[in-house]
Structures are given as C-alpha cells and as structure tokens.
Amino acid sequence: MGGNAMAGKRSMTLGGQYLAAAVVWGASFLFIKVAVGGISPAQVVLGRLFFGAVVLAAVMLVSRRRWPRGLRMWAHLTAIGAIVCVIPFLLFSWAAQYLPAGLSSIFNATTPIATMVVALALLPEERLTKTKAAGIFVAAAGVVLVAAPWTAVADTSNPMFFWAQLACLGATTCYGLGFVYTRRFLRGSGYDAVTVSAAQIGTGAVIMLVLTPFIATAPITLTWEIVGSMVILGGIGTGIAYIWYNNVLNAWGATIASTVTYLTPVSGVLLGVIFLGETVHWNQVLGGSVVILGILVGQGRLMVPRRKRRDDVVLPPAGGAGTLHAQPGPSPVDGSKA
C-alpha cells in the first residue's frame, strides 16, 4: 500500500512538472512580448541567457556534475549554443515586436518538422519515407494557414508582419539544425542532457556578452513587469523548466515527454489572450492543429488504416494497419524551446 502511494505521488509530481514545463515554455512568448516593450531584442536574449546560465551552473554545482572537457568538445558546444540559443532567441525576440505572442508560440510548434527536414537533408542514414513526406506536406499546409499570406497582401498596417513570421520559421529551422548537429557530434559523448544544456546555454551567454557592445546598446526602460519577465524567462523558462522536462523524459520516456511540444502553443495562445488581450483568428487555430497533425503523421504516431481487399484475412497482422505506433520522440535537447 505504501509503495503504491509513493508511486502515485511520484506520478503526480512528474505530471505537475510536465504541465509546468508546457505552461512556462508557452508563456515564454508572453514574457518576450512584455520585455521588448522596454528593452531591445538583443538585450532580451542577453538577459534570458544570463539568468538561464546562472541557474543551470548552480544545478551543475549542487549535483556535482563534471563540466565537459577538451577543446574539440567545447568547440561543438559553442557552435550548438550559437545555433540553438543565440540565433533563434534573437529571431523570436525580434519577431515579438510585430507578432502576437500566441502566434509566435504556434510557429514554435513547427520545430519537430523542421528537425525532420534538416535531418533528411544532412544525415545520410535518414531516408524520406512516405510517412515522413506526408507529415511534411500536412505540416507545411498548416504553416500556410497560420501565416495567412492572403491577409498579409491586403493588410498594409503592419509591413513587417510577413517578415516576422519568416523570422519565427528561421528560428525553428535553427532548432532543427542544432538538434541534428547535437545528434551528429555529441552522441556517445558520455554527458547527460543537463550538462549539455548548461554548457550550451553558458556558451550562448558568453557569445551574447561579446556581441553586446555591437547589438545590445539601445536605451533601456525597466518596469517591474519587464524585470519579472526576464527573470522568469531566463531563470525558469531557460533553466528550471529544462530540469522538469529532463525528469519527465527519464521517467516516462522520449515519446511521452516530447508531447509537451503540442501543449506549448495552447498555453501560449491562451496566455496571450488573457494577459495581452490578443485576438485569435480561425486560421491560426486551424493551422496550428494541422501543424500538430502533420507532426504526428511524420513521426509515425498516426497510421492511416488501409482499405481491406476482399481476399484479406479477417485478423490483421501484428502491428498492422490501424495500430498507433509510438516512435522515439526528440532528443532531450529538443526541450529547449523559445
């Protein structure tokens, strides 16, 4: 009885961490939107990477993890820090000046598809199957619905609207590049996900410190809302939430843990509506749903039943049509969302 109670309590704790990570990562776009009201996009990135690096460095110290060693390893980690942290964070922060927070969170959900496309292009062992091709096609249709190019042509009140959406897609492409890079060069390195994350966010913070005199010198207007947004965005969204995700990943496996990707747009859109008074359009809801459907199809989690021929046997073969196939989800690094 005691064992069952402990197991149930642990399951509830993990469920809370799973939901908390989804809410915090969805809220990241809300915090970015608030922050760019008083500081520049580059300053937002500097702040979030600094707070994130401090939190994860403290975790490394308390857990007595060893930092990576070797010049070659740190060269790879620095490249990953630039590709996964600095560039996409800058793109999302710049786009936040022109896009609703909820819309940015929907674009962030395209990360698994972007990762699949990059992997197909750069990894020789990856092959374009009919399932993957169908997933990419469906997700691309969803992106078109979300972007609504027909409205961009007609609406001249926000000339940067179209380019801001492209910036979001550029950011998710960077995530895809970074995840493939990590898979290619860090697989078998012996370092766990927390160590890799602390190192890549730390190197990202150093890169931003070097760039600060050139791109982060705009005047600053600080309010309690902006300061609070930066602390939460960096310390929790770029630091603690990753630990939550890693706990869920280790306990529940990559397949279930990766479904947090599907919840972040929901929390992002809802928080944008509640706190910023944003308007959600039908094409954004429909397009976001189509994007998630494309991800499920592309990852092989949804299999379309085949039509049975007259000479088919009544009993389907093991693992045959109509079975819900669970494929391995994204790597732990996939958890570092906007």
Protein backbone atom coordinates (compact mmCIF):
# COMPACT_ATOMS: atom_id res chain seq x y z
CA MET A 1 0.00 0.00 0.00
CA GLY A 2 2.85 2.35 0.92
CA GLY A 3 4.62 1.57 -2.32
CA ASN A 4 1.52 2.31 -4.37
CA ALA A 5 1.01 5.60 -2.54
CA MET A 6 4.62 6.63 -3.20
CA ALA A 7 4.32 5.65 -6.85
CA GLY A 8 1.10 7.65 -7.18
CA LYS A 9 2.68 10.68 -5.50
CA ARG A 10 5.70 10.45 -7.82
CA SER A 11 3.42 10.20 -10.85
CA MET A 12 1.51 13.30 -9.73
CA THR A 13 4.79 15.16 -9.22
CA LEU A 14 6.00 14.24 -12.68
CA GLY A 15 2.65 15.21 -14.16
CA GLY A 16 2.92 18.58 -12.45
CA GLN A 17 6.41 19.10 -13.85
CA TYR A 18 5.22 18.11 -17.33
CA LEU A 19 2.36 20.62 -17.25
CA ALA A 20 4.55 23.29 -15.66
CA ALA A 21 7.13 22.95 -18.44
CA ALA A 22 4.40 23.24 -21.09
CA VAL A 23 2.94 26.36 -19.44
CA VAL A 24 6.32 28.03 -18.88
CA TRP A 25 7.53 27.38 -22.42
CA GLY A 26 4.24 28.58 -23.83
CA ALA A 27 4.46 31.65 -21.60
CA SER A 28 7.97 32.40 -22.88
CA PHE A 29 6.44 34.25 -25.82
CA LEU A 30 4.31 36.31 -23.43
CA PHE A 31 7.40 37.28 -21.43
CA ILE A 32 9.32 38.13 -24.60
CA LYS A 33 6.44 40.31 -25.80
CA VAL A 34 6.37 42.18 -22.48
CA ALA A 35 10.17 42.55 -22.37
CA VAL A 36 10.55 44.07 -25.85
CA GLY A 37 8.29 46.86 -24.67
CA GLY A 38 11.23 48.34 -22.74
CA ILE A 39 14.43 46.68 -23.95
CA SER A 40 15.76 45.65 -27.34
CA PRO A 41 15.52 42.09 -28.70
CA ALA A 42 19.28 41.61 -28.21
CA GLN A 43 19.01 42.74 -24.59
CA VAL A 44 16.17 40.26 -24.06
CA VAL A 45 18.38 37.43 -25.32
CA LEU A 46 21.31 38.56 -23.19
CA GLY A 47 19.12 38.64 -20.08
CA ARG A 48 17.45 35.27 -20.61
CA LEU A 49 20.75 33.50 -21.39
CA PHE A 50 22.44 35.11 -18.38
CA PHE A 51 19.72 34.05 -15.92
CA GLY A 52 19.45 30.61 -17.54
CA ALA A 53 23.20 30.08 -17.36
CA VAL A 54 23.30 31.10 -13.68
CA VAL A 55 20.53 28.65 -12.74
CA LEU A 56 21.99 25.72 -14.68
CA ALA A 57 25.52 26.44 -13.38
CA ALA A 58 24.09 26.27 -9.85
CA VAL A 59 22.46 22.92 -10.71
CA MET A 60 25.81 21.65 -12.01
CA LEU A 61 27.47 22.73 -8.77
CA VAL A 62 24.86 21.27 -6.42
CA SER A 63 24.62 17.96 -8.32
CA ARG A 64 28.42 17.79 -8.64
CA ARG A 65 28.29 17.14 -12.33
CA ARG A 66 31.51 17.42 -14.28
CA TRP A 67 31.74 20.05 -16.97
CA PRO A 68 32.76 18.82 -20.44
CA ARG A 69 36.46 18.66 -21.20
CA GLY A 70 38.56 19.12 -24.28
CA LEU A 71 38.88 21.91 -26.84
CA ARG A 72 37.06 19.92 -29.52
CA MET A 73 34.07 19.25 -27.26
CA TRP A 74 33.80 22.91 -26.27
CA ALA A 75 34.04 23.95 -29.92
CA HIS A 76 30.99 21.78 -30.67
CA LEU A 77 29.13 23.09 -27.61
CA THR A 78 29.86 26.68 -28.62
CA ALA A 79 28.51 26.01 -32.11
CA ILE A 80 25.37 24.45 -30.61
CA GLY A 81 24.99 27.40 -28.23
CA ALA A 82 25.03 29.78 -31.20
CA ILE A 83 22.69 27.71 -33.36
CA VAL A 84 20.17 26.63 -30.70
CA CYS A 85 20.24 29.60 -28.32
CA VAL A 86 21.66 32.84 -29.70
CA ILE A 87 20.30 32.94 -33.26
CA PRO A 88 16.76 31.56 -32.68
CA PHE A 89 16.32 33.59 -29.49
CA LEU A 90 17.28 36.73 -31.41
CA LEU A 91 14.87 35.88 -34.22
CA PHE A 92 11.94 35.18 -31.88
CA SER A 93 12.66 38.33 -29.85
CA TRP A 94 12.83 40.48 -32.97
CA ALA A 95 9.61 38.94 -34.28
CA ALA A 96 7.87 39.67 -30.96
CA GLN A 97 7.90 43.37 -31.88
CA TYR A 98 5.48 42.68 -34.73
CA LEU A 99 3.62 39.45 -33.88
CA PRO A 100 1.17 38.43 -31.13
CA ALA A 101 2.75 36.15 -28.53
CA GLY A 102 0.22 33.41 -29.29
CA LEU A 103 1.09 33.39 -32.98
CA SER A 104 4.80 33.05 -32.23
CA SER A 105 4.05 30.07 -29.98
CA ILE A 106 2.17 28.39 -32.82
CA PHE A 107 5.15 28.80 -35.15
CA ASN A 108 7.40 27.35 -32.44
CA ALA A 109 5.37 24.12 -32.71
CA THR A 110 6.88 23.53 -36.17
CA THR A 111 10.22 22.61 -34.54
CA PRO A 112 9.79 18.80 -34.89
CA ILE A 113 9.01 19.17 -38.59
CA ALA A 114 11.97 21.49 -39.11
CA THR A 115 14.17 18.94 -37.34
CA MET A 116 12.87 16.16 -39.59
CA VAL A 117 13.55 18.18 -42.76
CA VAL A 118 17.08 19.12 -41.66
CA ALA A 119 17.84 15.52 -40.66
CA LEU A 120 16.69 14.26 -44.06
CA ALA A 121 18.95 16.80 -45.76
CA LEU A 122 22.08 16.36 -43.65
CA LEU A 123 22.08 12.87 -42.16
CA PRO A 124 22.90 10.07 -44.63
CA GLU A 125 21.12 7.47 -42.51
CA GLU A 126 17.82 9.35 -42.73
CA ARG A 127 15.52 8.35 -45.59
CA LEU A 128 12.46 10.14 -46.91
CA THR A 129 9.62 7.67 -46.43
CA LYS A 130 6.01 8.11 -47.49
CA THR A 131 5.07 8.70 -43.85
CA LYS A 132 7.63 11.47 -43.39
CA ALA A 133 6.74 13.04 -46.73
CA ALA A 134 3.05 13.06 -45.77
CA GLY A 135 3.85 14.64 -42.41
CA ILE A 136 5.96 17.38 -44.00
CA PHE A 137 3.26 18.11 -46.59
CA VAL A 138 0.47 18.31 -43.98
CA ALA A 139 2.55 20.48 -41.62
CA ALA A 140 3.52 22.81 -44.48
CA ALA A 141 -0.18 23.26 -45.27
CA GLY A 142 -0.74 24.15 -41.61
CA VAL A 143 2.04 26.75 -41.70
CA VAL A 144 0.45 28.36 -44.76
CA LEU A 145 -2.88 28.51 -42.93
CA VAL A 146 -1.28 30.12 -39.87
CA ALA A 147 0.74 32.62 -41.91
CA ALA A 148 -2.32 33.56 -44.00
CA PRO A 149 -0.35 35.18 -46.85
CA TRP A 150 -3.60 36.41 -48.38
CA THR A 151 -4.14 38.74 -45.42
CA ALA A 152 -0.55 39.97 -45.46
CA VAL A 153 -1.02 41.19 -49.03
CA ALA A 154 -4.24 43.01 -48.18
CA ASP A 155 -3.12 44.49 -44.83
CA THR A 156 -0.54 47.28 -45.09
CA SER A 157 -0.84 48.45 -41.45
CA ASN A 158 1.96 46.10 -40.34
CA PRO A 159 4.52 45.81 -43.17
CA MET A 160 6.84 43.67 -41.02
CA PHE A 161 4.17 41.05 -40.26
CA PHE A 162 5.25 38.74 -43.08
CA TRP A 163 8.98 39.05 -42.29
CA ALA A 164 8.38 38.44 -38.59
CA GLN A 165 6.65 35.15 -39.43
CA LEU A 166 9.61 34.17 -41.61
CA ALA A 167 11.89 35.00 -38.67
CA CYS A 168 9.93 32.54 -36.48
CA LEU A 169 10.31 29.82 -39.11
CA GLY A 170 14.01 30.68 -39.34
CA ALA A 171 14.26 30.20 -35.58
CA THR A 172 12.66 26.74 -35.67
CA THR A 173 14.97 25.84 -38.56
CA CYS A 174 17.89 26.77 -36.32
CA TYR A 175 16.49 24.46 -33.65
CA GLY A 176 16.37 21.69 -36.24
CA LEU A 177 19.98 22.38 -37.29
CA GLY A 178 21.10 22.42 -33.67
CA PHE A 179 19.38 19.15 -32.78
CA VAL A 180 20.87 17.42 -35.83
CA TYR A 181 24.29 18.88 -35.01
CA THR A 182 23.97 17.58 -31.46
CA ARG A 183 22.98 14.13 -32.71
CA ARG A 184 25.87 14.08 -35.17
CA PHE A 185 28.69 15.27 -32.92
CA LEU A 186 27.66 14.70 -29.30
CA ARG A 187 26.11 11.24 -29.50
CA GLY A 188 28.14 8.91 -27.30
CA SER A 189 29.95 11.81 -25.61
CA GLY A 190 29.02 10.50 -22.16
CA TYR A 191 27.48 13.77 -20.97
CA ASP A 192 23.87 13.88 -19.86
CA ALA A 193 21.26 16.32 -21.09
CA VAL A 194 21.59 18.70 -18.12
CA THR A 195 25.35 19.02 -18.64
CA VAL A 196 24.97 19.64 -22.38
CA SER A 197 22.21 22.18 -21.76
CA ALA A 198 24.23 24.05 -19.10
CA ALA A 199 27.24 24.17 -21.40
CA GLN A 200 25.35 25.32 -24.50
CA ILE A 201 23.39 27.99 -22.63
CA GLY A 202 26.58 29.11 -20.89
CA THR A 203 28.45 29.45 -24.18
CA GLY A 204 25.42 31.23 -25.64
CA ALA A 205 25.57 33.75 -22.78
CA VAL A 206 29.27 34.32 -23.44
CA ILE A 207 28.58 34.88 -27.14
CA MET A 208 25.91 37.46 -26.30
CA LEU A 209 28.27 39.22 -23.86
CA VAL A 210 30.83 39.52 -26.67
CA LEU A 211 28.16 40.86 -29.07
CA THR A 212 26.60 43.25 -26.55
CA PRO A 213 28.75 46.32 -27.43
CA PHE A 214 27.66 45.93 -31.05
CA ILE A 215 23.99 44.91 -30.96
CA ALA A 216 22.64 45.47 -27.43
CA THR A 217 23.29 49.14 -26.68
CA ALA A 218 19.78 50.54 -27.17
CA PRO A 219 18.26 52.68 -24.37
CA ILE A 220 16.56 50.67 -21.62
CA THR A 221 13.24 51.33 -19.92
CA LEU A 222 12.72 48.99 -17.00
CA THR A 223 9.50 48.27 -15.17
CA TRP A 224 8.64 45.58 -12.65
CA GLU A 225 6.78 43.71 -15.40
CA ILE A 226 9.84 43.73 -17.67
CA VAL A 227 12.27 42.72 -14.90
CA GLY A 228 9.94 39.94 -13.74
CA SER A 229 9.51 38.71 -17.31
CA MET A 230 13.27 38.49 -17.80
CA VAL A 231 13.87 36.65 -14.52
CA ILE A 232 11.13 34.10 -15.26
CA LEU A 233 12.07 33.78 -18.93
CA GLY A 234 15.72 33.13 -18.13
CA GLY A 235 15.78 31.53 -14.70
CA ILE A 236 12.70 29.34 -15.07
CA GLY A 237 11.99 29.08 -18.81
CA THR A 238 15.63 28.63 -19.88
CA GLY A 239 16.77 26.95 -16.68
CA ILE A 240 14.45 25.18 -14.23
CA ALA A 241 11.85 24.11 -16.83
CA TYR A 242 14.56 22.17 -18.60
CA ILE A 243 15.20 20.18 -15.41
CA TRP A 244 11.47 19.44 -15.14
CA TYR A 245 11.46 18.21 -18.72
CA ASN A 246 14.53 16.07 -18.13
CA ASN A 247 12.88 14.42 -15.10
CA VAL A 248 9.80 13.57 -17.17
CA LEU A 249 11.99 12.33 -20.01
CA ASN A 250 13.89 9.94 -17.74
CA ALA A 251 10.73 8.61 -16.07
CA TRP A 252 8.22 8.47 -18.93
CA GLY A 253 10.45 8.17 -22.00
CA ALA A 254 11.04 10.41 -25.00
CA THR A 255 7.78 9.58 -26.76
CA ILE A 256 5.51 10.89 -23.99
CA ALA A 257 7.84 13.69 -22.92
CA SER A 258 8.01 15.08 -26.46
CA THR A 259 4.26 15.68 -26.47
CA VAL A 260 4.95 18.84 -24.45
CA THR A 261 5.56 20.37 -27.89
CA TYR A 262 1.85 20.08 -28.61
CA LEU A 263 0.77 21.83 -25.40
CA THR A 264 3.02 24.89 -25.57
CA PRO A 265 1.01 26.58 -28.37
CA VAL A 266 -2.17 26.09 -26.33
CA SER A 267 -0.71 27.80 -23.26
CA GLY A 268 0.97 30.44 -25.42
CA VAL A 269 -2.26 31.39 -27.18
CA LEU A 270 -4.37 31.35 -24.01
CA LEU A 271 -1.91 33.47 -22.04
CA GLY A 272 -1.67 35.96 -24.90
CA VAL A 273 -5.46 36.31 -24.92
CA ILE A 274 -5.77 36.58 -21.12
CA PHE A 275 -2.90 38.94 -20.31
CA LEU A 276 -2.32 40.85 -23.55
CA GLY A 277 -5.84 40.92 -24.96
CA GLU A 278 -4.69 39.30 -28.20
CA THR A 279 -7.18 38.13 -30.79
CA VAL A 280 -7.06 34.56 -32.06
CA HIS A 281 -8.18 34.10 -35.67
CA TRP A 282 -9.77 30.95 -37.08
CA ASN A 283 -6.86 30.31 -39.44
CA GLN A 284 -4.39 30.28 -36.53
CA VAL A 285 -6.36 27.68 -34.59
CA LEU A 286 -6.98 25.54 -37.67
CA GLY A 287 -3.44 25.94 -38.98
CA GLY A 288 -1.88 25.13 -35.60
CA SER A 289 -4.00 21.98 -35.36
CA VAL A 290 -2.93 20.94 -38.88
CA VAL A 291 0.74 21.51 -37.96
CA ILE A 292 0.40 19.20 -34.94
CA LEU A 293 -1.40 16.63 -37.09
CA GLY A 294 1.48 16.78 -39.57
CA ILE A 295 3.98 16.20 -36.76
CA LEU A 296 2.04 13.15 -35.53
CA VAL A 297 1.85 11.74 -39.04
CA GLY A 298 5.50 12.45 -39.84
CA GLN A 299 6.70 10.80 -36.63
CA GLY A 300 4.64 7.71 -37.38
CA ARG A 301 2.35 8.10 -34.38
CA LEU A 302 -0.76 8.07 -36.54
CA MET A 303 -1.14 5.38 -39.16
CA VAL A 304 -3.91 5.63 -41.68
CA PRO A 305 -5.84 2.33 -41.91
CA ARG A 306 -5.57 0.64 -45.28
CA ARG A 307 -8.67 -0.40 -47.14
CA LYS A 308 -9.14 -4.14 -46.85
CA ARG A 309 -9.38 -6.08 -50.05
CA ARG A 310 -11.91 -8.86 -50.39
CA ASP A 311 -9.23 -11.51 -50.11
CA ASP A 312 -7.78 -10.01 -46.92
CA VAL A 313 -7.89 -12.16 -43.81
CA VAL A 314 -10.15 -11.04 -41.04
CA LEU A 315 -7.46 -10.81 -38.38
CA PRO A 316 -4.90 -8.03 -39.05
CA PRO A 317 -1.22 -8.87 -38.82
CA ALA A 318 0.65 -7.87 -35.70
CA GLY A 319 1.41 -4.16 -35.75
CA GLY A 320 -0.65 -3.79 -38.92
CA ALA A 321 -2.97 -1.07 -40.14
CA GLY A 322 -4.83 0.90 -37.57
CA THR A 323 -2.17 0.46 -34.87
CA LEU A 324 -1.00 3.56 -33.06
CA HIS A 325 2.77 3.38 -33.47
CA ALA A 326 4.95 5.07 -30.87
CA GLN A 327 8.20 6.35 -32.30
CA PRO A 328 11.05 7.74 -30.22
CA GLY A 329 10.49 11.41 -29.61
CA PRO A 330 13.01 14.21 -29.88
CA SER A 331 16.28 14.22 -28.01
CA PRO A 332 16.39 15.83 -24.58
CA VAL A 333 17.88 18.95 -26.14
CA ASP A 334 14.62 19.34 -28.02
CA GLY A 335 13.16 20.58 -24.83
CA SER A 336 14.91 23.98 -25.05
CA LYS A 337 12.21 25.94 -26.66
CA ALA A 338 11.81 29.56 -27.19
